[in-house]
Protein backbone atom coordinates (compact mmCIF):
# COMPACT_ATOMS: atom_id res chain seq x y z
CA UNK A 1 -13.37 15.61 3.96
CA UNK A 2 -13.38 16.56 0.31
CA UNK A 3 -15.49 13.94 -1.43
CA UNK A 4 -14.33 12.22 -4.59
CA UNK A 5 -17.89 12.55 -5.83
CA UNK A 6 -17.41 16.32 -5.95
CA UNK A 7 -14.28 15.89 -8.03
CA UNK A 8 -15.57 13.31 -10.49
CA UNK A 9 -19.30 14.00 -10.62
CA UNK A 10 -20.43 14.69 -14.15
CA UNK A 11 -16.96 14.06 -15.51
CA UNK A 12 -16.44 10.28 -15.39
CA UNK A 13 -18.83 7.47 -16.34
CA UNK A 14 -20.87 6.27 -13.39
CA UNK A 15 -19.16 2.88 -13.18
CA UNK A 16 -15.70 4.40 -12.96
CA UNK A 17 -16.96 6.94 -10.44
CA UNK A 18 -18.24 4.16 -8.18
CA UNK A 19 -14.95 2.29 -8.47
CA UNK A 20 -12.95 5.39 -7.62
CA UNK A 21 -15.17 6.12 -4.65
CA UNK A 22 -14.97 2.60 -3.30
CA UNK A 23 -11.39 1.47 -3.79
CA UNK A 24 -9.26 4.12 -2.19
CA UNK A 25 -11.28 7.06 -0.90
CA UNK A 26 -9.65 8.44 2.21
CA UNK A 27 -12.83 8.92 4.29
CA UNK A 28 -14.15 5.98 6.27
CA UNK A 29 -17.90 6.46 6.20
CA UNK A 30 -18.96 3.42 4.20
CA UNK A 31 -19.88 1.51 7.36
CA UNK A 32 -22.02 4.18 8.95
CA UNK A 33 -25.05 1.89 9.01
CA UNK A 34 -23.23 -0.56 11.25
CA UNK A 35 -23.26 -0.11 15.01
CA UNK A 36 -20.10 1.53 16.26
CA UNK A 37 -18.56 -0.84 18.81
CA UNK A 38 -16.47 0.42 21.65
CA UNK A 39 -13.11 -0.90 22.64
CA UNK A 40 -10.26 0.12 24.88
CA UNK A 41 -6.98 -0.30 23.05
CA UNK A 42 -4.23 -2.26 24.75
CA UNK A 43 -1.44 0.14 25.77
CA UNK A 44 1.73 -0.53 23.80
CA UNK A 45 4.86 -1.66 25.62
CA UNK A 46 7.54 0.93 26.19
CA UNK A 47 10.05 1.12 23.34
CA UNK A 48 13.32 2.97 23.07
CA UNK A 49 12.85 3.63 19.36
CA UNK A 50 14.01 7.04 18.16
CA UNK A 51 11.70 8.86 15.73
CA UNK A 52 13.22 9.96 12.41
CA UNK A 53 14.84 13.40 12.50
CA UNK A 54 12.07 14.68 10.25
CA UNK A 55 9.43 14.25 12.97
CA UNK A 56 8.60 17.91 13.40
CA UNK A 57 5.11 19.26 13.91
CA UNK A 58 5.09 20.79 10.43
CA UNK A 59 6.48 18.65 7.58
CA UNK A 60 8.19 20.54 4.73
CA UNK A 61 5.76 22.39 2.43
CA UNK A 62 5.52 21.73 -1.26
CA UNK A 63 8.33 23.47 -3.08
CA UNK A 64 7.80 25.18 -6.44
CA UNK A 65 9.10 23.44 -9.51
CA UNK A 66 12.65 24.39 -10.34
CA UNK A 67 15.23 23.84 -13.04
CA UNK A 68 16.16 20.63 -11.23
CA UNK A 69 12.68 19.16 -11.56
CA UNK A 70 12.89 16.45 -14.24
CA UNK A 71 10.81 16.94 -17.35
CA UNK A 72 8.84 13.74 -17.86
CA UNK A 73 6.04 12.29 -19.92
CA UNK A 74 3.72 9.35 -19.43
CA UNK A 75 3.94 6.66 -22.08
CA UNK A 76 0.99 4.28 -22.26
CA UNK A 77 2.25 0.70 -22.20
CA UNK A 78 -1.14 -1.05 -22.32
CA UNK A 79 -4.81 -0.25 -21.84
CA UNK A 80 -7.94 -2.35 -21.53
CA UNK A 81 -7.31 -3.86 -18.10
CA UNK A 82 -10.21 -4.31 -15.66
CA UNK A 83 -9.71 -2.16 -12.54
CA UNK A 84 -5.99 -2.80 -12.04
CA UNK A 85 -4.72 -2.09 -8.52
CA UNK A 86 -1.16 -3.45 -8.34
CA UNK A 87 1.82 -4.05 -10.63
CA UNK A 88 4.80 -6.26 -9.81
CA UNK A 89 7.69 -8.02 -11.53
CA UNK A 90 9.27 -11.39 -10.79
CA UNK A 91 12.94 -10.34 -10.96
CA UNK A 92 13.53 -13.24 -13.33
CA UNK A 93 14.97 -11.42 -16.35
CA UNK A 94 11.86 -12.06 -18.46
CA UNK A 95 10.76 -8.42 -18.69
CA UNK A 96 7.22 -9.44 -17.77
CA UNK A 97 4.99 -7.20 -15.69
CA UNK A 98 2.22 -8.74 -13.59
CA UNK A 99 -0.92 -6.68 -13.02
CA UNK A 100 -3.49 -7.45 -10.33
CA UNK A 101 -7.09 -6.83 -11.31
CA UNK A 102 -9.38 -6.13 -8.37
CA UNK A 103 -11.96 -8.78 -9.31
CA UNK A 104 -9.45 -11.62 -8.93
CA UNK A 105 -7.08 -11.96 -11.89
CA UNK A 106 -3.36 -11.48 -12.48
CA UNK A 107 -2.61 -10.46 -16.06
CA UNK A 108 0.81 -10.57 -17.73
CA UNK A 109 2.15 -7.68 -19.78
CA UNK A 110 4.87 -8.91 -22.12
CA UNK A 111 6.39 -7.20 -25.16
CA UNK A 112 3.93 -4.33 -24.79
CA UNK A 113 0.81 -6.50 -24.87
CA UNK A 114 -1.58 -8.08 -22.37
CA UNK A 115 -1.39 -11.86 -22.62
CA UNK A 116 -4.76 -13.40 -23.37
CA UNK A 117 -4.57 -16.11 -20.71
CA UNK A 118 -4.45 -14.83 -17.13
CA UNK A 119 -1.45 -15.78 -15.01
CA UNK A 120 -3.89 -16.57 -12.19
CA UNK A 121 -7.67 -16.44 -11.90
CA UNK A 122 -9.07 -16.63 -8.35
CA UNK A 123 -12.15 -14.53 -9.05
CA UNK A 124 -14.38 -17.30 -7.66
CA UNK A 125 -12.69 -16.85 -4.25
CA UNK A 126 -12.43 -13.07 -4.16
CA UNK A 127 -15.03 -10.75 -2.68
CA UNK A 128 -14.48 -7.53 -4.58
CA UNK A 129 -17.76 -5.72 -3.96
CA UNK A 130 -18.59 -3.33 -2.52
CA UNK A 131 -16.14 -0.73 -1.25
CA UNK A 132 -12.44 -1.46 -0.93
CA UNK A 133 -12.48 -5.25 -0.93
CA UNK A 134 -10.95 -7.41 -3.63
CA UNK A 135 -7.70 -8.85 -4.93
CA UNK A 136 -5.27 -6.23 -3.67
CA UNK A 137 -1.65 -7.35 -3.60
CA UNK A 138 1.05 -9.57 -5.10
CA UNK A 139 4.68 -10.35 -4.28
CA UNK A 140 7.14 -12.80 -5.81
CA UNK A 141 9.48 -14.76 -3.59
CA UNK A 142 13.07 -13.42 -3.70
CA UNK A 143 14.13 -16.87 -4.99
CA UNK A 144 11.28 -17.14 -7.44
CA UNK A 145 13.47 -18.44 -10.25
CA UNK A 146 14.35 -21.43 -8.06
CA UNK A 147 11.12 -22.14 -6.15
CA UNK A 148 8.42 -20.60 -8.42
CA UNK A 149 6.50 -19.31 -5.39
CA UNK A 150 4.50 -16.10 -5.16
CA UNK A 151 2.10 -14.60 -2.63
CA UNK A 152 -1.24 -12.84 -2.88
CA UNK A 153 -3.41 -10.65 -0.65
CA UNK A 154 -7.16 -10.82 -1.26
CA UNK A 155 -10.50 -10.51 0.55
CA UNK A 156 -13.11 -13.23 0.82
CA UNK A 157 -16.57 -13.63 2.35
CA UNK A 158 -17.00 -16.67 4.61
CA UNK A 159 -20.65 -16.90 5.65
CA UNK A 160 -20.90 -13.14 5.95
CA UNK A 161 -17.52 -12.68 7.67
CA UNK A 162 -15.10 -10.72 5.53
CA UNK A 163 -11.51 -11.93 5.81
CA UNK A 164 -8.22 -10.68 4.44
CA UNK A 165 -6.27 -13.67 3.13
CA UNK A 166 -2.52 -14.02 2.62
CA UNK A 167 -1.83 -17.08 0.47
CA UNK A 168 0.96 -18.75 -1.46
CA UNK A 169 0.75 -20.12 -5.00
CA UNK A 170 3.23 -21.80 -7.33
CA UNK A 171 3.69 -21.57 -11.06
CA UNK A 172 2.66 -24.42 -13.33
CA UNK A 173 5.55 -26.73 -14.17
CA UNK A 174 4.37 -26.84 -17.78
CA UNK A 175 3.97 -23.11 -18.46
CA UNK A 176 5.86 -20.21 -16.84
CA UNK A 177 3.02 -17.86 -17.82
CA UNK A 178 0.38 -19.80 -15.87
CA UNK A 179 0.11 -20.35 -12.14
CA UNK A 180 -1.30 -23.56 -10.69
CA UNK A 181 -4.73 -22.57 -9.30
CA UNK A 182 -4.81 -25.69 -7.14
CA UNK A 183 -1.56 -24.89 -5.36
CA UNK A 184 -3.00 -22.38 -2.89
CA UNK A 185 -1.62 -22.58 0.64
CA UNK A 186 -3.28 -20.09 2.97
CA UNK A 187 -0.77 -18.62 5.40
CA UNK A 188 -2.87 -16.14 7.31
CA UNK A 189 -6.45 -14.88 7.55
CA UNK A 190 -7.60 -11.75 9.37
CA UNK A 191 -11.25 -11.06 10.16
CA UNK A 192 -12.42 -7.64 9.01
CA UNK A 193 -15.06 -5.69 10.99
CA UNK A 194 -16.06 -3.20 8.27
CA UNK A 195 -15.98 -2.85 4.49
CA UNK A 196 -13.08 -0.44 4.04
CA UNK A 197 -9.41 0.13 4.94
CA UNK A 198 -7.91 -3.20 3.90
CA UNK A 199 -4.36 -2.09 3.16
CA UNK A 200 -3.43 -4.84 0.74
CA UNK A 201 0.28 -4.57 -0.03
CA UNK A 202 2.81 -7.39 0.09
CA UNK A 203 6.56 -6.77 -0.22
CA UNK A 204 9.67 -8.80 0.48
CA UNK A 205 12.35 -6.92 2.34
CA UNK A 206 16.12 -7.09 1.86
CA UNK A 207 16.08 -9.52 4.81
CA UNK A 208 14.02 -12.03 2.81
CA UNK A 209 10.94 -11.70 5.04
CA UNK A 210 7.44 -10.88 3.82
CA UNK A 211 5.95 -7.55 4.92
CA UNK A 212 2.16 -7.16 4.89
CA UNK A 213 0.12 -3.95 5.17
CA UNK A 214 -3.28 -4.05 6.86
CA UNK A 215 -5.62 -1.12 7.41
CA UNK A 216 -7.41 -0.42 10.68
CA UNK A 217 -10.48 -2.44 9.67
CA UNK A 218 -12.59 0.49 8.54
CA UNK A 219 -15.56 2.58 9.52
CA UNK A 220 -14.52 6.12 10.48
CA UNK A 221 -12.17 7.30 13.18
CA UNK A 222 -11.03 3.76 14.06
CA UNK A 223 -13.95 3.04 16.45
CA UNK A 224 -12.39 -0.24 17.64
CA UNK A 225 -9.07 1.37 18.51
CA UNK A 226 -7.24 -1.06 16.22
CA UNK A 227 -4.46 1.30 15.20
CA UNK A 228 -3.12 1.62 18.74
CA UNK A 229 -3.92 -1.91 19.95
CA UNK A 230 -1.21 -4.54 19.83
CA UNK A 231 -3.80 -7.29 20.29
CA UNK A 232 -4.95 -7.09 16.66
CA UNK A 233 -3.18 -7.28 13.32
CA UNK A 234 -5.33 -4.47 11.92
CA UNK A 235 -3.73 -1.06 11.42
CA UNK A 236 -0.28 -2.63 11.18
CA UNK A 237 2.68 -3.60 9.06
CA UNK A 238 3.39 -7.29 9.66
CA UNK A 239 6.64 -9.22 9.10
CA UNK A 240 6.69 -12.99 8.70
CA UNK A 241 9.01 -15.74 7.48
CA UNK A 242 7.33 -17.68 4.67
CA UNK A 243 10.18 -20.19 4.43
CA UNK A 244 9.50 -21.81 7.80
CA UNK A 245 6.62 -22.75 10.06
CA UNK A 246 6.18 -22.59 13.80
CA UNK A 247 3.68 -22.52 16.67
CA UNK A 248 1.09 -24.29 14.55
CA UNK A 249 1.11 -21.57 11.86
CA UNK A 250 1.83 -21.76 8.15
CA UNK A 251 4.71 -19.34 8.63
CA UNK A 252 7.26 -18.47 11.29
CA UNK A 253 7.72 -15.24 13.21
CA UNK A 254 11.24 -13.80 12.87
CA UNK A 255 12.81 -13.82 16.34
CA UNK A 256 13.88 -10.17 16.05
CA UNK A 257 10.35 -8.86 15.49
CA UNK A 258 9.86 -6.08 18.05
CA UNK A 259 7.04 -7.61 20.11
CA UNK A 260 8.11 -11.25 20.27
CA UNK A 261 8.94 -11.04 23.97
CA UNK A 262 5.81 -9.12 25.00
CA UNK A 263 2.11 -9.93 25.26
CA UNK A 264 1.50 -8.29 21.88
CA UNK A 265 0.94 -10.19 18.62
CA UNK A 266 4.43 -11.19 17.47
CA UNK A 267 3.79 -10.67 13.74
CA UNK A 268 3.59 -6.89 14.24
CA UNK A 269 6.48 -4.88 12.83
CA UNK A 270 4.98 -1.36 13.12
CA UNK A 271 1.60 0.05 14.14
CA UNK A 272 -0.60 3.16 14.34
CA UNK A 273 -1.59 3.11 10.65
CA UNK A 274 -4.98 3.87 9.12
CA UNK A 275 -4.93 2.48 5.58
CA UNK A 276 -1.39 1.94 4.26
CA UNK A 277 -2.14 1.80 0.55
CA UNK A 278 1.08 0.87 -1.20
CA UNK A 279 4.48 0.43 0.40
CA UNK A 280 7.84 -0.40 -1.14
CA UNK A 281 11.47 -0.92 -0.25
CA UNK A 282 14.11 1.45 -1.60
CA UNK A 283 16.54 -0.75 -3.52
CA UNK A 284 19.44 1.46 -2.47
CA UNK A 285 18.93 2.12 1.23
CA UNK A 286 16.55 -0.72 2.09
CA UNK A 287 14.15 1.71 3.76
CA UNK A 288 10.44 0.90 3.68
CA UNK A 289 8.27 3.78 2.38
CA UNK A 290 4.48 3.76 2.82
CA UNK A 291 1.62 6.04 1.85
CA UNK A 292 -1.04 6.07 4.60
CA UNK A 293 -4.45 7.29 3.48
CA UNK A 294 -5.90 9.99 5.75
CA UNK A 295 -9.42 10.66 6.92
CA UNK A 296 -10.72 14.23 6.75
CA UNK A 297 -7.70 16.48 6.32
CA UNK A 298 -4.23 15.01 5.77
CA UNK A 299 -2.43 12.37 3.68
CA UNK A 300 1.01 11.17 4.74
CA UNK A 301 4.22 9.43 3.71
CA UNK A 302 6.01 7.35 6.34
CA UNK A 303 9.29 5.51 6.55
CA UNK A 304 8.34 2.32 8.37
CA UNK A 305 10.78 1.19 11.05
CA UNK A 306 10.90 -1.61 13.57
CA UNK A 307 8.47 -1.25 16.46
CA UNK A 308 7.46 2.35 15.81
CA UNK A 309 4.00 3.85 16.39
CA UNK A 310 2.81 6.07 13.51
CA UNK A 311 0.08 7.75 15.52
CA UNK A 312 -3.33 6.74 14.15
CA UNK A 313 -5.93 7.38 15.58
CA UNK A 314 -4.34 9.84 18.00
CA UNK A 315 -3.05 11.81 15.04
CA UNK A 316 -3.81 12.31 11.37
CA UNK A 317 -0.58 13.19 9.62
CA UNK A 318 1.38 15.48 11.93
CA UNK A 319 -1.78 16.86 13.57
CA UNK A 320 -3.83 15.94 16.62
CA UNK A 321 -7.07 14.13 15.89
CA UNK A 322 -8.15 12.47 19.13
CA UNK A 323 -8.36 14.88 20.91
CA UNK A 324 -8.26 17.57 18.18
CA UNK A 325 -5.68 19.59 20.10
CA UNK A 326 -3.23 18.93 22.89
CA UNK A 327 -2.91 15.22 22.14
CA UNK A 328 -0.11 13.24 23.75
CA UNK A 329 2.53 12.82 21.01
CA UNK A 330 4.98 11.02 23.26
CA UNK A 331 6.41 7.98 21.49
CA UNK A 332 4.71 8.74 18.18
CA UNK A 333 6.57 8.88 14.87
CA UNK A 334 5.43 11.65 12.55
CA UNK A 335 5.42 11.38 8.73
CA UNK A 336 8.33 12.54 6.62
CA UNK A 337 5.82 14.43 4.46
CA UNK A 338 2.13 15.25 4.34
CA UNK A 339 -0.35 17.25 2.29
CA UNK A 340 -3.86 18.46 3.03
CA UNK A 341 -7.07 17.89 1.16
CA UNK A 342 -6.72 21.01 -0.89
CA UNK A 343 -4.16 19.00 -2.89
CA UNK A 344 -5.80 15.57 -2.91
CA UNK A 345 -7.50 13.15 -0.57
CA UNK A 346 -6.26 9.61 -1.26
CA UNK A 347 -2.50 9.07 -1.28
CA UNK A 348 -1.02 6.34 -3.47
CA UNK A 349 2.38 5.18 -2.24
CA UNK A 350 5.07 4.63 -4.86
CA UNK A 351 8.75 3.84 -5.33
CA UNK A 352 12.19 5.34 -4.95
CA UNK A 353 13.39 5.70 -8.53
CA UNK A 354 16.22 3.27 -9.33
CA UNK A 355 16.18 3.41 -13.12
CA UNK A 356 18.61 4.86 -15.64
CA UNK A 357 16.31 6.57 -18.17
CA UNK A 358 15.92 9.70 -16.00
CA UNK A 359 19.18 10.21 -14.06
CA UNK A 360 17.88 13.35 -12.34
CA UNK A 361 15.17 11.25 -10.65
CA UNK A 362 17.61 8.91 -8.93
CA UNK A 363 16.92 8.49 -5.21
CA UNK A 364 13.67 10.47 -5.44
CA UNK A 365 10.55 8.86 -3.96
CA UNK A 366 7.70 9.00 -6.49
CA UNK A 367 4.09 8.91 -5.25
CA UNK A 368 0.69 10.33 -6.17
CA UNK A 369 -2.94 10.94 -5.32
CA UNK A 370 -6.05 9.21 -6.64
CA UNK A 371 -8.37 12.19 -6.70
CA UNK A 372 -6.14 15.09 -7.73
CA UNK A 373 -4.28 12.86 -10.23
CA UNK A 374 -0.99 14.53 -9.30
CA UNK A 375 2.40 12.85 -9.02
CA UNK A 376 5.01 14.24 -6.64
CA UNK A 377 8.57 13.43 -5.75
CA UNK A 378 10.22 13.59 -2.35
CA UNK A 379 13.92 14.32 -2.09
CA UNK A 380 16.05 14.05 1.03
CA UNK A 381 18.66 16.79 1.27
CA UNK A 382 20.28 17.18 3.73
CA UNK A 383 19.68 13.81 5.44
CA UNK A 384 16.47 13.92 7.45
CA UNK A 385 15.00 16.87 5.53
CA UNK A 386 12.48 16.11 2.81
CA UNK A 387 11.29 18.40 0.02
CA UNK A 388 8.16 17.67 -2.00
CA UNK A 389 7.86 18.82 -5.61
CA UNK A 390 5.14 18.15 -8.15
CA UNK A 391 6.45 16.05 -11.01
CA UNK A 392 3.44 15.84 -13.32
CA UNK A 393 -0.31 15.31 -13.58
CA UNK A 394 -1.66 12.01 -14.86
CA UNK A 395 -5.19 12.85 -16.05
CA UNK A 396 -6.27 9.41 -14.82
CA UNK A 397 -7.26 7.93 -11.46
CA UNK A 398 -4.06 6.51 -10.01
CA UNK A 399 -4.53 3.22 -8.17
CA UNK A 400 -0.91 2.13 -7.81
CA UNK A 401 2.65 2.46 -8.99
CA UNK A 402 4.99 -0.30 -10.15
CA UNK A 403 8.67 -0.81 -10.84
CA UNK A 404 10.29 -3.06 -13.41
CA UNK A 405 13.50 -5.00 -12.94
CA UNK A 406 15.52 -2.11 -14.39
CA UNK A 407 14.07 0.28 -11.80
CA UNK A 408 11.82 2.28 -14.14
CA UNK A 409 8.53 3.37 -12.58
CA UNK A 410 5.02 2.77 -13.90
CA UNK A 411 1.66 4.36 -13.10
CA UNK A 412 -1.43 2.17 -12.86
CA UNK A 413 -4.84 3.72 -13.56
CA UNK A 414 -8.17 2.42 -12.29
CA UNK A 415 -9.48 3.09 -15.77
CA UNK A 416 -7.42 0.18 -17.11
CA UNK A 417 -4.12 1.57 -18.35
CA UNK A 418 -0.49 1.17 -17.34
CA UNK A 419 1.84 4.05 -18.13
CA UNK A 420 5.62 4.37 -17.81
CA UNK A 421 7.29 7.53 -16.56
CA UNK A 422 9.73 8.50 -19.34
CA UNK A 423 12.03 11.47 -19.98
CA UNK A 424 10.37 14.28 -21.91
């Protein structure tokens, strides 16, 4: 694939180059020194799910900018953060934005400034080096104003075994801007076989359940067959109930999860994903959008639905990978959009715009690419047909997007800044 080193070499400082290479690069070669195990994936049970109407072999091409393309600018809100990788808000009317720093901190942005005291510091628990490990995700409980609970997704090293951790924390009773570091309750841990492809997103759905994105575990080409196996949580979107417990776990499995009545792991909501880096729910339709980072050729946007198989590692985007031609696409759900590595090689999933500052962006899905630094929008018109248009270029390595309570969209840069998308 196109290497990020070719794009950034000689342009960025070495430290930022190494961060950009390690956090989100689409290729999976960072574990090449490890032996490549073999595994036969467990065949999925038969499902009657219907793929989206956009599942054609060739997703819509990029359309040229038109008079309808909004004219926007990027307004820097803050700078000086340390490798920020996620931005969330608590839906509590405070106007605060919460930024996750990869090394293990959550910082608060309030009134246009970074608060000096971190909201949470778990850097002593987080394994953030090398590659794509670290503190990766944050989500506030839908009833946060009542229960003061929030959830984090981070990686840790336990005697040489890397684990992805999903944990709950609560806010200090004495200070709403400080979490209680001693309140951690670990809900779920997942052993990781390689250094890369951790996923990392947490998001509460309209149903009140917590959705979790996990990559395929890493290396290159999914050597363990995790994407297609329903006996592992890797390469999946999970769905759990954090307000109950059951079967000896610190959470409950919703009874309508698609694989509850099979021999598959019941937490699985959807599968066949490589490295779903950033997913979000559309506030209007409730649909779950995800950007899945590709390997050598294609990046993709998916709408995640119950029980569906998104193809990895049989396919990359809408194209056969294993085998390279003539693969069996039966039962696979293709992306609603893709682009090849001439346009970028590390997709960053975003948000459907729900703000009021740019009315012409309403209902458009905003996403970008780490290496090309481009931001695109996807529009659906007519239903089931998606058109991709370039919105702007950031001139900064995009690590994530965020959305405030009013629905305005923010761009997070690995270099330490948070920018808001504003009308020109």
